[in-house]
């Protein structure tokens, strides 16, 4: 969680709020791949990439 706090502080200080949607999308895709890696949904997720 320290990494996310440091990332937020970086974006706040440097006014890089345009990075926030990119970070959210990357975290969402990462969580999707991790949580569906052992299920029947996995082949459908991997076709997106």
C-alpha atoms as a PDB file:
ATOM      1  CA  UNK A   1       0.000   0.000   0.000  1.00  0.00           C
ATOM      2  CA  UNK A   2       2.967   2.317   0.438  1.00  0.00           C
ATOM      3  CA  UNK A   3       3.565   2.175  -3.298  1.00  0.00           C
ATOM      4  CA  UNK A   4       0.054   3.408  -4.052  1.00  0.00           C
ATOM      5  CA  UNK A   5       0.405   6.203  -1.495  1.00  0.00           C
ATOM      6  CA  UNK A   6       3.741   7.242  -2.999  1.00  0.00           C
ATOM      7  CA  UNK A   7       2.244   7.132  -6.490  1.00  0.00           C
ATOM      8  CA  UNK A   8      -0.681   9.308  -5.385  1.00  0.00           C
ATOM      9  CA  UNK A   9       1.684  11.800  -3.725  1.00  0.00           C
ATOM     10  CA  UNK A  10       3.771  11.936  -6.903  1.00  0.00           C
ATOM     11  CA  UNK A  11       0.710  12.638  -9.054  1.00  0.00           C
ATOM     12  CA  UNK A  12      -0.557  15.263  -6.611  1.00  0.00           C
ATOM     13  CA  UNK A  13       2.737  17.149  -6.298  1.00  0.00           C
ATOM     14  CA  UNK A  14       3.701  17.009  -9.969  1.00  0.00           C
ATOM     15  CA  UNK A  15       0.137  17.573 -11.277  1.00  0.00           C
ATOM     16  CA  UNK A  16       0.208  14.321 -13.288  1.00  0.00           C
ATOM     17  CA  UNK A  17      -3.452  13.425 -12.810  1.00  0.00           C
ATOM     18  CA  UNK A  18      -3.653  12.174 -16.400  1.00  0.00           C
ATOM     19  CA  UNK A  19      -1.754   9.084 -15.169  1.00  0.00           C
ATOM     20  CA  UNK A  20      -4.643   8.038 -12.919  1.00  0.00           C
ATOM     21  CA  UNK A  21      -6.837   6.437 -15.644  1.00  0.00           C
ATOM     22  CA  UNK A  22      -3.828   4.504 -16.962  1.00  0.00           C
ATOM     23  CA  UNK A  23      -3.002   3.174 -13.502  1.00  0.00           C
ATOM     24  CA  UNK A  24      -6.622   2.189 -12.865  1.00  0.00           C
ATOM     25  CA  UNK A  25      -6.888   0.305 -16.169  1.00  0.00           C
ATOM     26  CA  UNK A  26      -3.601  -1.521 -15.570  1.00  0.00           C
ATOM     27  CA  UNK A  27      -4.647  -2.524 -12.049  1.00  0.00           C
ATOM     28  CA  UNK A  28      -8.040  -3.703 -13.329  1.00  0.00           C
ATOM     29  CA  UNK A  29      -6.506  -5.851 -16.063  1.00  0.00           C
ATOM     30  CA  UNK A  30      -3.949  -7.248 -13.642  1.00  0.00           C
ATOM     31  CA  UNK A  31      -6.627  -8.193 -11.125  1.00  0.00           C
ATOM     32  CA  UNK A  32      -8.762  -9.706 -13.890  1.00  0.00           C
ATOM     33  CA  UNK A  33      -5.910 -11.928 -15.049  1.00  0.00           C
ATOM     34  CA  UNK A  34      -4.977 -12.994 -11.512  1.00  0.00           C
ATOM     35  CA  UNK A  35      -8.511 -13.803 -10.385  1.00  0.00           C
ATOM     36  CA  UNK A  36      -9.531 -15.673 -13.544  1.00  0.00           C
ATOM     37  CA  UNK A  37      -6.299 -17.599 -14.102  1.00  0.00           C
ATOM     38  CA  UNK A  38      -7.688 -20.818 -12.626  1.00  0.00           C
ATOM     39  CA  UNK A  39     -11.255 -20.615 -13.847  1.00  0.00           C
ATOM     40  CA  UNK A  40     -13.223 -21.424 -16.969  1.00  0.00           C
ATOM     41  CA  UNK A  41     -13.256 -17.730 -17.916  1.00  0.00           C
ATOM     42  CA  UNK A  42      -9.485 -17.670 -18.529  1.00  0.00           C
ATOM     43  CA  UNK A  43      -9.584 -18.585 -22.267  1.00  0.00           C
ATOM     44  CA  UNK A  44     -12.020 -15.745 -22.926  1.00  0.00           C
ATOM     45  CA  UNK A  45      -9.912 -13.221 -21.017  1.00  0.00           C
ATOM     46  CA  UNK A  46      -6.744 -14.144 -22.880  1.00  0.00           C
ATOM     47  CA  UNK A  47      -8.462 -13.600 -26.243  1.00  0.00           C
ATOM     48  CA  UNK A  48      -8.813  -9.913 -25.330  1.00  0.00           C
ATOM     49  CA  UNK A  49      -5.050  -9.547 -25.431  1.00  0.00           C
END
